[in-house]
Amino acid sequence: MLNQVAVLSIQVHNMNEALAFYTNVLGFEVSKKYGETIVTLKQEAFTIVLELAENVHKEPRQNVLPGIISENLDQDLAMLKDKGVQIIFDEPRPCPPGRYSIIKDPTGNLIEIIEFSK
């Protein structure tokens, strides 16, 4: 069956900026480095891969939106704002399972931060 995601690859224009953002800002840990162009991040459900790509453009149109779970969306958004992360919405927005906001990584990739209703 083809019903389980194993890897999520995020193409980036600058690996050093991407690593700083995903580790220092979002709190992921590096799992393994495959040379200078591919780094995997530790993640329970599946592997996240940062991949240096020559043809990546800032703020690409994307059809996949990775979502990161937040236990306290207001607190996490305040921390991200303090760290200079670009937050798309001024206030979290409601969604069927809870509330969310959208941020950008240094390449312009959009990431959803979602807090599920309890």
PDB file of N, CA and C in Angstrom:
ATOM      1  N   MET A   1       0.830  -1.190   0.000  1.00  0.00           N
ATOM      2  CA  MET A   1       0.000   0.000   0.000  1.00  0.00           C
ATOM      3  C   MET A   1       0.871   1.250   0.000  1.00  0.00           C
ATOM      4  N   LEU A   2       0.390   2.267  -0.629  1.00  0.00           N
ATOM      5  CA  LEU A   2       1.116   3.534  -0.707  1.00  0.00           C
ATOM      6  C   LEU A   2       0.410   4.569   0.154  1.00  0.00           C
ATOM      7  N   ASN A   3       0.440   4.373   1.478  1.00  0.00           N
ATOM      8  CA  ASN A   3      -0.337   5.244   2.356  1.00  0.00           C
ATOM      9  C   ASN A   3       0.447   5.778   3.546  1.00  0.00           C
ATOM     10  N   GLN A   4       1.772   5.913   3.390  1.00  0.00           N
ATOM     11  CA  GLN A   4       2.578   6.450   4.482  1.00  0.00           C
ATOM     12  C   GLN A   4       3.663   7.348   3.926  1.00  0.00           C
ATOM     13  N   VAL A   5       3.729   8.580   4.420  1.00  0.00           N
ATOM     14  CA  VAL A   5       4.774   9.512   4.000  1.00  0.00           C
ATOM     15  C   VAL A   5       6.059   9.139   4.722  1.00  0.00           C
ATOM     16  N   ALA A   6       7.151   8.996   3.977  1.00  0.00           N
ATOM     17  CA  ALA A   6       8.436   8.626   4.561  1.00  0.00           C
ATOM     18  C   ALA A   6       9.384   9.812   4.664  1.00  0.00           C
ATOM     19  N   VAL A   7       9.303  10.721   3.704  1.00  0.00           N
ATOM     20  CA  VAL A   7      10.254  11.827   3.642  1.00  0.00           C
ATOM     21  C   VAL A   7       9.536  13.078   3.144  1.00  0.00           C
ATOM     22  N   LEU A   8       9.917  14.219   3.692  1.00  0.00           N
ATOM     23  CA  LEU A   8       9.473  15.514   3.188  1.00  0.00           C
ATOM     24  C   LEU A   8      10.739  16.287   2.856  1.00  0.00           C
ATOM     25  N   SER A   9      10.949  16.599   1.576  1.00  0.00           N
ATOM     26  CA  SER A   9      12.136  17.351   1.157  1.00  0.00           C
ATOM     27  C   SER A   9      11.774  18.810   0.973  1.00  0.00           C
ATOM     28  N   ILE A  10      12.596  19.684   1.524  1.00  0.00           N
ATOM     29  CA  ILE A  10      12.397  21.121   1.409  1.00  0.00           C
ATOM     30  C   ILE A  10      13.618  21.681   0.679  1.00  0.00           C
ATOM     31  N   GLN A  11      13.412  22.216  -0.505  1.00  0.00           N
ATOM     32  CA  GLN A  11      14.522  22.776  -1.268  1.00  0.00           C
ATOM     33  C   GLN A  11      14.820  24.176  -0.757  1.00  0.00           C
ATOM     34  N   VAL A  12      16.103  24.449  -0.588  1.00  0.00           N
ATOM     35  CA  VAL A  12      16.549  25.722  -0.023  1.00  0.00           C
ATOM     36  C   VAL A  12      17.626  26.334  -0.911  1.00  0.00           C
ATOM     37  N   HIS A  13      17.777  27.642  -0.844  1.00  0.00           N
ATOM     38  CA  HIS A  13      18.793  28.306  -1.667  1.00  0.00           C
ATOM     39  C   HIS A  13      20.121  28.472  -0.932  1.00  0.00           C
ATOM     40  N   ASN A  14      20.109  28.410   0.408  1.00  0.00           N
ATOM     41  CA  ASN A  14      21.337  28.565   1.182  1.00  0.00           C
ATOM     42  C   ASN A  14      21.266  27.619   2.376  1.00  0.00           C
ATOM     43  N   MET A  15      22.130  26.608   2.391  1.00  0.00           N
ATOM     44  CA  MET A  15      22.061  25.577   3.423  1.00  0.00           C
ATOM     45  C   MET A  15      22.372  26.131   4.808  1.00  0.00           C
ATOM     46  N   ASN A  16      23.335  27.038   4.921  1.00  0.00           N
ATOM     47  CA  ASN A  16      23.667  27.594   6.237  1.00  0.00           C
ATOM     48  C   ASN A  16      22.490  28.362   6.833  1.00  0.00           C
ATOM     49  N   GLU A  17      21.834  29.189   6.022  1.00  0.00           N
ATOM     50  CA  GLU A  17      20.647  29.906   6.491  1.00  0.00           C
ATOM     51  C   GLU A  17      19.536  28.932   6.869  1.00  0.00           C
ATOM     52  N   ALA A  18      19.325  27.929   6.031  1.00  0.00           N
ATOM     53  CA  ALA A  18      18.261  26.950   6.286  1.00  0.00           C
ATOM     54  C   ALA A  18      18.533  26.183   7.570  1.00  0.00           C
ATOM     55  N   LEU A  19      19.770  25.736   7.761  1.00  0.00           N
ATOM     56  CA  LEU A  19      20.108  25.000   8.986  1.00  0.00           C
ATOM     57  C   LEU A  19      19.916  25.880  10.223  1.00  0.00           C
ATOM     58  N   ALA A  20      20.334  27.124  10.141  1.00  0.00           N
ATOM     59  CA  ALA A  20      20.157  28.032  11.282  1.00  0.00           C
ATOM     60  C   ALA A  20      18.675  28.214  11.600  1.00  0.00           C
ATOM     61  N   PHE A  21      17.853  28.365  10.575  1.00  0.00           N
ATOM     62  CA  PHE A  21      16.419  28.557  10.779  1.00  0.00           C
ATOM     63  C   PHE A  21      15.772  27.305  11.362  1.00  0.00           C
ATOM     64  N   TYR A  22      15.992  26.172  10.739  1.00  0.00           N
ATOM     65  CA  TYR A  22      15.299  24.947  11.168  1.00  0.00           C
ATOM     66  C   TYR A  22      15.818  24.412  12.506  1.00  0.00           C
ATOM     67  N   THR A  23      17.075  24.689  12.850  1.00  0.00           N
ATOM     68  CA  THR A  23      17.597  24.203  14.134  1.00  0.00           C
ATOM     69  C   THR A  23      17.477  25.267  15.224  1.00  0.00           C
ATOM     70  N   ASN A  24      18.022  26.462  15.008  1.00  0.00           N
ATOM     71  CA  ASN A  24      18.035  27.499  16.049  1.00  0.00           C
ATOM     72  C   ASN A  24      16.674  28.139  16.279  1.00  0.00           C
ATOM     73  N   VAL A  25      15.881  28.303  15.221  1.00  0.00           N
ATOM     74  CA  VAL A  25      14.587  28.968  15.361  1.00  0.00           C
ATOM     75  C   VAL A  25      13.475  27.967  15.665  1.00  0.00           C
ATOM     76  N   LEU A  26      13.356  26.900  14.835  1.00  0.00           N
ATOM     77  CA  LEU A  26      12.267  25.946  15.020  1.00  0.00           C
ATOM     78  C   LEU A  26      12.602  24.823  15.997  1.00  0.00           C
ATOM     79  N   GLY A  27      13.884  24.591  16.262  1.00  0.00           N
ATOM     80  CA  GLY A  27      14.258  23.613  17.281  1.00  0.00           C
ATOM     81  C   GLY A  27      14.482  22.185  16.792  1.00  0.00           C
ATOM     82  N   PHE A  28      14.557  21.971  15.477  1.00  0.00           N
ATOM     83  CA  PHE A  28      14.883  20.639  14.983  1.00  0.00           C
ATOM     84  C   PHE A  28      16.350  20.345  15.256  1.00  0.00           C
ATOM     85  N   GLU A  29      16.705  19.068  15.283  1.00  0.00           N
ATOM     86  CA  GLU A  29      18.093  18.651  15.421  1.00  0.00           C
ATOM     87  C   GLU A  29      18.535  17.978  14.131  1.00  0.00           C
ATOM     88  N   VAL A  30      19.812  18.152  13.772  1.00  0.00           N
ATOM     89  CA  VAL A  30      20.359  17.492  12.588  1.00  0.00           C
ATOM     90  C   VAL A  30      20.489  16.007  12.886  1.00  0.00           C
ATOM     91  N   SER A  31      20.006  15.196  11.967  1.00  0.00           N
ATOM     92  CA  SER A  31      20.125  13.749  12.075  1.00  0.00           C
ATOM     93  C   SER A  31      21.393  13.286  11.374  1.00  0.00           C
ATOM     94  N   LYS A  32      21.569  13.713  10.111  1.00  0.00           N
ATOM     95  CA  LYS A  32      22.732  13.285   9.335  1.00  0.00           C
ATOM     96  C   LYS A  32      22.996  14.281   8.216  1.00  0.00           C
ATOM     97  N   LYS A  33      24.274  14.472   7.899  1.00  0.00           N
ATOM     98  CA  LYS A  33      24.660  15.309   6.766  1.00  0.00           C
ATOM     99  C   LYS A  33      25.195  14.405   5.663  1.00  0.00           C
ATOM    100  N   TYR A  34      24.690  14.612   4.465  1.00  0.00           N
ATOM    101  CA  TYR A  34      25.151  13.877   3.284  1.00  0.00           C
ATOM    102  C   TYR A  34      25.905  14.867   2.411  1.00  0.00           C
ATOM    103  N   GLY A  35      27.113  15.203   2.806  1.00  0.00           N
ATOM    104  CA  GLY A  35      27.886  16.195   2.074  1.00  0.00           C
ATOM    105  C   GLY A  35      27.390  17.593   2.384  1.00  0.00           C
ATOM    106  N   GLU A  36      27.561  18.492   1.448  1.00  0.00           N
ATOM    107  CA  GLU A  36      27.201  19.892   1.645  1.00  0.00           C
ATOM    108  C   GLU A  36      25.801  20.232   1.150  1.00  0.00           C
ATOM    109  N   THR A  37      25.141  19.287   0.463  1.00  0.00           N
ATOM    110  CA  THR A  37      23.882  19.643  -0.185  1.00  0.00           C
ATOM    111  C   THR A  37      22.631  18.981   0.399  1.00  0.00           C
ATOM    112  N   ILE A  38      22.787  17.982   1.256  1.00  0.00           N
ATOM    113  CA  ILE A  38      21.615  17.318   1.832  1.00  0.00           C
ATOM    114  C   ILE A  38      21.838  17.075   3.318  1.00  0.00           C
ATOM    115  N   VAL A  39      20.860  17.505   4.120  1.00  0.00           N
ATOM    116  CA  VAL A  39      20.902  17.327   5.570  1.00  0.00           C
ATOM    117  C   VAL A  39      19.537  16.803   6.004  1.00  0.00           C
ATOM    118  N   THR A  40      19.533  15.751   6.829  1.00  0.00           N
ATOM    119  CA  THR A  40      18.260  15.274   7.363  1.00  0.00           C
ATOM    120  C   THR A  40      18.097  15.787   8.786  1.00  0.00           C
ATOM    121  N   LEU A  41      16.843  16.059   9.130  1.00  0.00           N
ATOM    122  CA  LEU A  41      16.501  16.544  10.458  1.00  0.00           C
ATOM    123  C   LEU A  41      15.766  15.449  11.227  1.00  0.00           C
ATOM    124  N   LYS A  42      16.020  15.365  12.528  1.00  0.00           N
ATOM    125  CA  LYS A  42      15.343  14.376  13.363  1.00  0.00           C
ATOM    126  C   LYS A  42      13.863  14.719  13.445  1.00  0.00           C
ATOM    127  N   GLN A  43      13.041  13.699  13.281  1.00  0.00           N
ATOM    128  CA  GLN A  43      11.597  13.863  13.276  1.00  0.00           C
ATOM    129  C   GLN A  43      10.977  12.503  13.563  1.00  0.00           C
ATOM    130  N   GLU A  44       9.986  12.447  14.442  1.00  0.00           N
ATOM    131  CA  GLU A  44       9.366  11.181  14.844  1.00  0.00           C
ATOM    132  C   GLU A  44       8.643  10.466  13.704  1.00  0.00           C
ATOM    133  N   ALA A  45       7.723  11.164  13.047  1.00  0.00           N
ATOM    134  CA  ALA A  45       6.836  10.509  12.100  1.00  0.00           C
ATOM    135  C   ALA A  45       7.517  10.134  10.786  1.00  0.00           C
ATOM    136  N   PHE A  46       8.340  11.028  10.260  1.00  0.00           N
ATOM    137  CA  PHE A  46       9.033  10.778   9.006  1.00  0.00           C
ATOM    138  C   PHE A  46      10.226  11.714   8.926  1.00  0.00           C
ATOM    139  N   THR A  47      11.096  11.496   7.972  1.00  0.00           N
ATOM    140  CA  THR A  47      12.318  12.283   7.840  1.00  0.00           C
ATOM    141  C   THR A  47      12.053  13.567   7.075  1.00  0.00           C
ATOM    142  N   ILE A  48      12.642  14.642   7.549  1.00  0.00           N
ATOM    143  CA  ILE A  48      12.630  15.908   6.822  1.00  0.00           C
ATOM    144  C   ILE A  48      14.025  16.112   6.242  1.00  0.00           C
ATOM    145  N   VAL A  49      14.089  16.392   4.950  1.00  0.00           N
ATOM    146  CA  VAL A  49      15.359  16.569   4.248  1.00  0.00           C
ATOM    147  C   VAL A  49      15.462  18.014   3.774  1.00  0.00           C
ATOM    148  N   LEU A  50      16.548  18.693   4.139  1.00  0.00           N
ATOM    149  CA  LEU A  50      16.871  19.991   3.540  1.00  0.00           C
ATOM    150  C   LEU A  50      17.807  19.712   2.383  1.00  0.00           C
ATOM    151  N   GLU A  51      17.442  20.175   1.204  1.00  0.00           N
ATOM    152  CA  GLU A  51      18.230  19.880   0.010  1.00  0.00           C
ATOM    153  C   GLU A  51      18.597  21.173  -0.699  1.00  0.00           C
ATOM    154  N   LEU A  52      19.907  21.413  -0.847  1.00  0.00           N
ATOM    155  CA  LEU A  52      20.379  22.586  -1.573  1.00  0.00           C
ATOM    156  C   LEU A  52      20.056  22.391  -3.045  1.00  0.00           C
ATOM    157  N   ALA A  53      19.378  23.354  -3.649  1.00  0.00           N
ATOM    158  CA  ALA A  53      18.959  23.237  -5.042  1.00  0.00           C
ATOM    159  C   ALA A  53      19.378  24.484  -5.803  1.00  0.00           C
ATOM    160  N   GLU A  54      19.948  24.283  -6.979  1.00  0.00           N
ATOM    161  CA  GLU A  54      20.404  25.410  -7.789  1.00  0.00           C
ATOM    162  C   GLU A  54      19.250  26.230  -8.340  1.00  0.00           C
ATOM    163  N   ASN A  55      18.162  25.596  -8.692  1.00  0.00           N
ATOM    164  CA  ASN A  55      17.067  26.281  -9.365  1.00  0.00           C
ATOM    165  C   ASN A  55      15.939  26.702  -8.440  1.00  0.00           C
ATOM    166  N   VAL A  56      16.205  26.746  -7.135  1.00  0.00           N
ATOM    167  CA  VAL A  56      15.170  27.187  -6.223  1.00  0.00           C
ATOM    168  C   VAL A  56      15.073  28.705  -6.287  1.00  0.00           C
ATOM    169  N   HIS A  57      13.858  29.207  -6.230  1.00  0.00           N
ATOM    170  CA  HIS A  57      13.633  30.648  -6.280  1.00  0.00           C
ATOM    171  C   HIS A  57      13.081  31.101  -4.941  1.00  0.00           C
ATOM    172  N   LYS A  58      13.386  32.314  -4.575  1.00  0.00           N
ATOM    173  CA  LYS A  58      12.776  32.841  -3.351  1.00  0.00           C
ATOM    174  C   LYS A  58      11.271  32.898  -3.562  1.00  0.00           C
ATOM    175  N   GLU A  59      10.568  32.560  -2.508  1.00  0.00           N
ATOM    176  CA  GLU A  59       9.118  32.543  -2.489  1.00  0.00           C
ATOM    177  C   GLU A  59       8.533  31.785  -3.675  1.00  0.00           C
ATOM    178  N   PRO A  60       8.866  30.504  -3.769  1.00  0.00           N
ATOM    179  CA  PRO A  60       8.320  29.719  -4.872  1.00  0.00           C
ATOM    180  C   PRO A  60       6.828  29.460  -4.666  1.00  0.00           C
ATOM    181  N   ARG A  61       6.143  29.243  -5.745  1.00  0.00           N
ATOM    182  CA  ARG A  61       4.767  28.778  -5.636  1.00  0.00           C
ATOM    183  C   ARG A  61       4.854  27.331  -5.207  1.00  0.00           C
ATOM    184  N   GLN A  62       4.161  26.995  -4.162  1.00  0.00           N
ATOM    185  CA  GLN A  62       4.265  25.637  -3.656  1.00  0.00           C
ATOM    186  C   GLN A  62       2.891  25.011  -3.550  1.00  0.00           C
ATOM    187  N   ASN A  63       2.856  23.701  -3.745  1.00  0.00           N
ATOM    188  CA  ASN A  63       1.614  22.965  -3.676  1.00  0.00           C
ATOM    189  C   ASN A  63       1.551  22.075  -2.446  1.00  0.00           C
ATOM    190  N   VAL A  64       2.621  21.999  -1.700  1.00  0.00           N
ATOM    191  CA  VAL A  64       2.667  21.226  -0.468  1.00  0.00           C
ATOM    192  C   VAL A  64       3.001  22.187   0.664  1.00  0.00           C
ATOM    193  N   LEU A  65       2.220  22.125   1.739  1.00  0.00           N
ATOM    194  CA  LEU A  65       2.423  23.021   2.873  1.00  0.00           C
ATOM    195  C   LEU A  65       2.707  22.182   4.109  1.00  0.00           C
ATOM    196  N   PRO A  66       3.980  22.100   4.529  1.00  0.00           N
ATOM    197  CA  PRO A  66       4.269  21.341   5.751  1.00  0.00           C
ATOM    198  C   PRO A  66       3.636  22.026   6.955  1.00  0.00           C
ATOM    199  N   GLY A  67       3.122  21.240   7.865  1.00  0.00           N
ATOM    200  CA  GLY A  67       2.515  21.766   9.074  1.00  0.00           C
ATOM    201  C   GLY A  67       3.273  21.297  10.301  1.00  0.00           C
ATOM    202  N   ILE A  68       3.564  22.211  11.210  1.00  0.00           N
ATOM    203  CA  ILE A  68       4.262  21.891  12.450  1.00  0.00           C
ATOM    204  C   ILE A  68       3.287  22.113  13.600  1.00  0.00           C
ATOM    205  N   ILE A  69       3.199  21.156  14.494  1.00  0.00           N
ATOM    206  CA  ILE A  69       2.276  21.226  15.615  1.00  0.00           C
ATOM    207  C   ILE A  69       2.809  22.166  16.686  1.00  0.00           C
ATOM    208  N   SER A  70       1.927  23.010  17.189  1.00  0.00           N
ATOM    209  CA  SER A  70       2.230  23.900  18.305  1.00  0.00           C
ATOM    210  C   SER A  70       1.301  23.556  19.460  1.00  0.00           C
ATOM    211  N   GLU A  71       1.853  23.506  20.654  1.00  0.00           N
ATOM    212  CA  GLU A  71       1.031  23.290  21.853  1.00  0.00           C
ATOM    213  C   GLU A  71       0.459  24.612  22.367  1.00  0.00           C
ATOM    214  N   ASN A  72       1.142  25.733  22.015  1.00  0.00           N
ATOM    215  CA  ASN A  72       0.695  27.062  22.435  1.00  0.00           C
ATOM    216  C   ASN A  72       1.033  28.028  21.300  1.00  0.00           C
ATOM    217  N   LEU A  73       0.091  28.219  20.400  1.00  0.00           N
ATOM    218  CA  LEU A  73       0.338  28.992  19.183  1.00  0.00           C
ATOM    219  C   LEU A  73       0.739  30.432  19.481  1.00  0.00           C
ATOM    220  N   ASP A  74       0.053  31.083  20.419  1.00  0.00           N
ATOM    221  CA  ASP A  74       0.385  32.479  20.724  1.00  0.00           C
ATOM    222  C   ASP A  74       1.819  32.607  21.235  1.00  0.00           C
ATOM    223  N   GLN A  75       2.206  31.720  22.122  1.00  0.00           N
ATOM    224  CA  GLN A  75       3.566  31.744  22.675  1.00  0.00           C
ATOM    225  C   GLN A  75       4.597  31.455  21.595  1.00  0.00           C
ATOM    226  N   ASP A  76       4.334  30.458  20.754  1.00  0.00           N
ATOM    227  CA  ASP A  76       5.286  30.109  19.694  1.00  0.00           C
ATOM    228  C   ASP A  76       5.413  31.222  18.657  1.00  0.00           C
ATOM    229  N   LEU A  77       4.304  31.870  18.315  1.00  0.00           N
ATOM    230  CA  LEU A  77       4.371  32.979  17.357  1.00  0.00           C
ATOM    231  C   LEU A  77       5.145  34.160  17.936  1.00  0.00           C
ATOM    232  N   ALA A  78       4.985  34.426  19.219  1.00  0.00           N
ATOM    233  CA  ALA A  78       5.755  35.499  19.864  1.00  0.00           C
ATOM    234  C   ALA A  78       7.248  35.186  19.813  1.00  0.00           C
ATOM    235  N   MET A  79       7.616  33.916  20.081  1.00  0.00           N
ATOM    236  CA  MET A  79       9.025  33.507  20.027  1.00  0.00           C
ATOM    237  C   MET A  79       9.562  33.654  18.611  1.00  0.00           C
ATOM    238  N   LEU A  80       8.789  33.213  17.609  1.00  0.00           N
ATOM    239  CA  LEU A  80       9.225  33.316  16.218  1.00  0.00           C
ATOM    240  C   LEU A  80       9.385  34.780  15.811  1.00  0.00           C
ATOM    241  N   LYS A  81       8.467  35.620  16.225  1.00  0.00           N
ATOM    242  CA  LYS A  81       8.554  37.058  15.918  1.00  0.00           C
ATOM    243  C   LYS A  81       9.806  37.657  16.547  1.00  0.00           C
ATOM    244  N   ASP A  82      10.093  37.285  17.807  1.00  0.00           N
ATOM    245  CA  ASP A  82      11.305  37.772  18.487  1.00  0.00           C
ATOM    246  C   ASP A  82      12.570  37.355  17.752  1.00  0.00           C
ATOM    247  N   LYS A  83      12.525  36.216  17.066  1.00  0.00           N
ATOM    248  CA  LYS A  83      13.685  35.723  16.323  1.00  0.00           C
ATOM    249  C   LYS A  83      13.727  36.241  14.892  1.00  0.00           C
ATOM    250  N   GLY A  84      12.808  37.143  14.554  1.00  0.00           N
ATOM    251  CA  GLY A  84      12.835  37.771  13.242  1.00  0.00           C
ATOM    252  C   GLY A  84      12.206  36.968  12.119  1.00  0.00           C
ATOM    253  N   VAL A  85      11.429  35.942  12.451  1.00  0.00           N
ATOM    254  CA  VAL A  85      10.780  35.123  11.432  1.00  0.00           C
ATOM    255  C   VAL A  85       9.617  35.897  10.833  1.00  0.00           C
ATOM    256  N   GLN A  86       9.473  35.823   9.515  1.00  0.00           N
ATOM    257  CA  GLN A  86       8.358  36.494   8.854  1.00  0.00           C
ATOM    258  C   GLN A  86       7.085  35.685   9.087  1.00  0.00           C
ATOM    259  N   ILE A  87       6.106  36.309   9.723  1.00  0.00           N
ATOM    260  CA  ILE A  87       4.817  35.685   9.997  1.00  0.00           C
ATOM    261  C   ILE A  87       3.806  36.310   9.044  1.00  0.00           C
ATOM    262  N   ILE A  88       3.067  35.479   8.317  1.00  0.00           N
ATOM    263  CA  ILE A  88       2.181  35.963   7.260  1.00  0.00           C
ATOM    264  C   ILE A  88       0.933  36.644   7.808  1.00  0.00           C
ATOM    265  N   PHE A  89       0.303  36.085   8.848  1.00  0.00           N
ATOM    266  CA  PHE A  89      -0.930  36.655   9.403  1.00  0.00           C
ATOM    267  C   PHE A  89      -0.610  37.401  10.691  1.00  0.00           C
ATOM    268  N   ASP A  90      -1.256  38.556  10.894  1.00  0.00           N
ATOM    269  CA  ASP A  90      -1.072  39.309  12.140  1.00  0.00           C
ATOM    270  C   ASP A  90      -1.614  38.541  13.332  1.00  0.00           C
ATOM    271  N   GLU A  91      -2.703  37.825  13.140  1.00  0.00           N
ATOM    272  CA  GLU A  91      -3.335  37.043  14.199  1.00  0.00           C
ATOM    273  C   GLU A  91      -3.569  35.625  13.700  1.00  0.00           C
ATOM    274  N   PRO A  92      -3.504  34.618  14.591  1.00  0.00           N
ATOM    275  CA  PRO A  92      -3.825  33.255  14.173  1.00  0.00           C
ATOM    276  C   PRO A  92      -5.238  33.193  13.599  1.00  0.00           C
ATOM    277  N   ARG A  93      -5.431  32.267  12.668  1.00  0.00           N
ATOM    278  CA  ARG A  93      -6.728  32.110  12.024  1.00  0.00           C
ATOM    279  C   ARG A  93      -7.362  30.782  12.425  1.00  0.00           C
ATOM    280  N   PRO A  94      -8.684  30.749  12.489  1.00  0.00           N
ATOM    281  CA  PRO A  94      -9.349  29.493  12.827  1.00  0.00           C
ATOM    282  C   PRO A  94      -9.334  28.535  11.638  1.00  0.00           C
ATOM    283  N   CYS A  95      -9.340  27.264  11.940  1.00  0.00           N
ATOM    284  CA  CYS A  95      -9.465  26.215  10.941  1.00  0.00           C
ATOM    285  C   CYS A  95     -10.267  25.086  11.595  1.00  0.00           C
ATOM    286  N   PRO A  96     -10.801  24.148  10.830  1.00  0.00           N
ATOM    287  CA  PRO A  96     -11.642  23.110  11.438  1.00  0.00           C
ATOM    288  C   PRO A  96     -11.007  22.378  12.632  1.00  0.00           C
ATOM    289  N   PRO A  97      -9.712  22.030  12.581  1.00  0.00           N
ATOM    290  CA  PRO A  97      -9.175  21.324  13.748  1.00  0.00           C
ATOM    291  C   PRO A  97      -8.641  22.223  14.859  1.00  0.00           C
ATOM    292  N   GLY A  98      -8.633  23.561  14.679  1.00  0.00           N
ATOM    293  CA  GLY A  98      -8.081  24.435  15.718  1.00  0.00           C
ATOM    294  C   GLY A  98      -7.785  25.829  15.197  1.00  0.00           C
ATOM    295  N   ARG A  99      -6.500  26.274  15.347  1.00  0.00           N
ATOM    296  CA  ARG A  99      -6.044  27.575  14.850  1.00  0.00           C
ATOM    297  C   ARG A  99      -4.673  27.393  14.208  1.00  0.00           C
ATOM    298  N   TYR A 100      -4.343  28.327  13.311  1.00  0.00           N
ATOM    299  CA  TYR A 100      -3.059  28.218  12.629  1.00  0.00           C
ATOM    300  C   TYR A 100      -2.530  29.585  12.234  1.00  0.00           C
ATOM    301  N   SER A 101      -1.262  29.594  11.872  1.00  0.00           N
ATOM    302  CA  SER A 101      -0.634  30.737  11.237  1.00  0.00           C
ATOM    303  C   SER A 101       0.356  30.201  10.216  1.00  0.00           C
ATOM    304  N   ILE A 102       0.870  31.066   9.388  1.00  0.00           N
ATOM    305  CA  ILE A 102       1.835  30.688   8.349  1.00  0.00           C
ATOM    306  C   ILE A 102       3.092  31.522   8.533  1.00  0.00           C
ATOM    307  N   ILE A 103       4.254  30.869   8.432  1.00  0.00           N
ATOM    308  CA  ILE A 103       5.541  31.564   8.489  1.00  0.00           C
ATOM    309  C   ILE A 103       6.323  31.248   7.220  1.00  0.00           C
ATOM    310  N   LYS A 104       7.419  31.980   7.011  1.00  0.00           N
ATOM    311  CA  LYS A 104       8.311  31.721   5.884  1.00  0.00           C
ATOM    312  C   LYS A 104       9.680  31.340   6.397  1.00  0.00           C
ATOM    313  N   ASP A 105      10.313  30.367   5.723  1.00  0.00           N
ATOM    314  CA  ASP A 105      11.711  30.067   6.016  1.00  0.00           C
ATOM    315  C   ASP A 105      12.581  31.036   5.207  1.00  0.00           C
ATOM    316  N   PRO A 106      13.912  31.002   5.357  1.00  0.00           N
ATOM    317  CA  PRO A 106      14.760  31.973   4.644  1.00  0.00           C
ATOM    318  C   PRO A 106      14.666  31.902   3.119  1.00  0.00           C
ATOM    319  N   THR A 107      14.267  30.756   2.556  1.00  0.00           N
ATOM    320  CA  THR A 107      14.110  30.637   1.108  1.00  0.00           C
ATOM    321  C   THR A 107      12.766  31.170   0.646  1.00  0.00           C
ATOM    322  N   GLY A 108      11.815  31.319   1.565  1.00  0.00           N
ATOM    323  CA  GLY A 108      10.478  31.762   1.211  1.00  0.00           C
ATOM    324  C   GLY A 108       9.461  30.639   1.233  1.00  0.00           C
ATOM    325  N   ASN A 109       9.902  29.412   1.607  1.00  0.00           N
ATOM    326  CA  ASN A 109       8.968  28.297   1.742  1.00  0.00           C
ATOM    327  C   ASN A 109       7.992  28.591   2.868  1.00  0.00           C
ATOM    328  N   LEU A 110       6.715  28.343   2.618  1.00  0.00           N
ATOM    329  CA  LEU A 110       5.689  28.563   3.619  1.00  0.00           C
ATOM    330  C   LEU A 110       5.563  27.344   4.528  1.00  0.00           C
ATOM    331  N   ILE A 111       5.378  27.601   5.820  1.00  0.00           N
ATOM    332  CA  ILE A 111       5.219  26.542   6.813  1.00  0.00           C
ATOM    333  C   ILE A 111       4.032  26.913   7.690  1.00  0.00           C
ATOM    334  N   GLU A 112       3.123  25.972   7.848  1.00  0.00           N
ATOM    335  CA  GLU A 112       1.962  26.193   8.716  1.00  0.00           C
ATOM    336  C   GLU A 112       2.325  25.806  10.136  1.00  0.00           C
ATOM    337  N   ILE A 113       1.963  26.655  11.081  1.00  0.00           N
ATOM    338  CA  ILE A 113       2.097  26.334  12.499  1.00  0.00           C
ATOM    339  C   ILE A 113       0.662  26.174  13.010  1.00  0.00           C
ATOM    340  N   ILE A 114       0.326  24.972  13.488  1.00  0.00           N
ATOM    341  CA  ILE A 114      -1.055  24.675  13.842  1.00  0.00           C
ATOM    342  C   ILE A 114      -1.189  24.224  15.287  1.00  0.00           C
ATOM    343  N   GLU A 115      -2.206  24.754  15.946  1.00  0.00           N
ATOM    344  CA  GLU A 115      -2.553  24.365  17.307  1.00  0.00           C
ATOM    345  C   GLU A 115      -3.915  23.668  17.234  1.00  0.00           C
ATOM    346  N   PHE A 116      -3.954  22.381  17.577  1.00  0.00           N
ATOM    347  CA  PHE A 116      -5.196  21.635  17.534  1.00  0.00           C
ATOM    348  C   PHE A 116      -6.047  21.966  18.752  1.00  0.00           C
ATOM    349  N   SER A 117      -7.369  22.021  18.556  1.00  0.00           N
ATOM    350  CA  SER A 117      -8.280  22.239  19.685  1.00  0.00           C
ATOM    351  C   SER A 117      -8.178  21.075  20.639  1.00  0.00           C
ATOM    352  N   LYS A 118      -8.346  21.377  21.916  1.00  0.00           N
ATOM    353  CA  LYS A 118      -8.229  20.320  22.910  1.00  0.00           C
ATOM    354  C   LYS A 118      -9.547  19.676  23.190  1.00  0.00           C
TER     355      LYS A 118
END
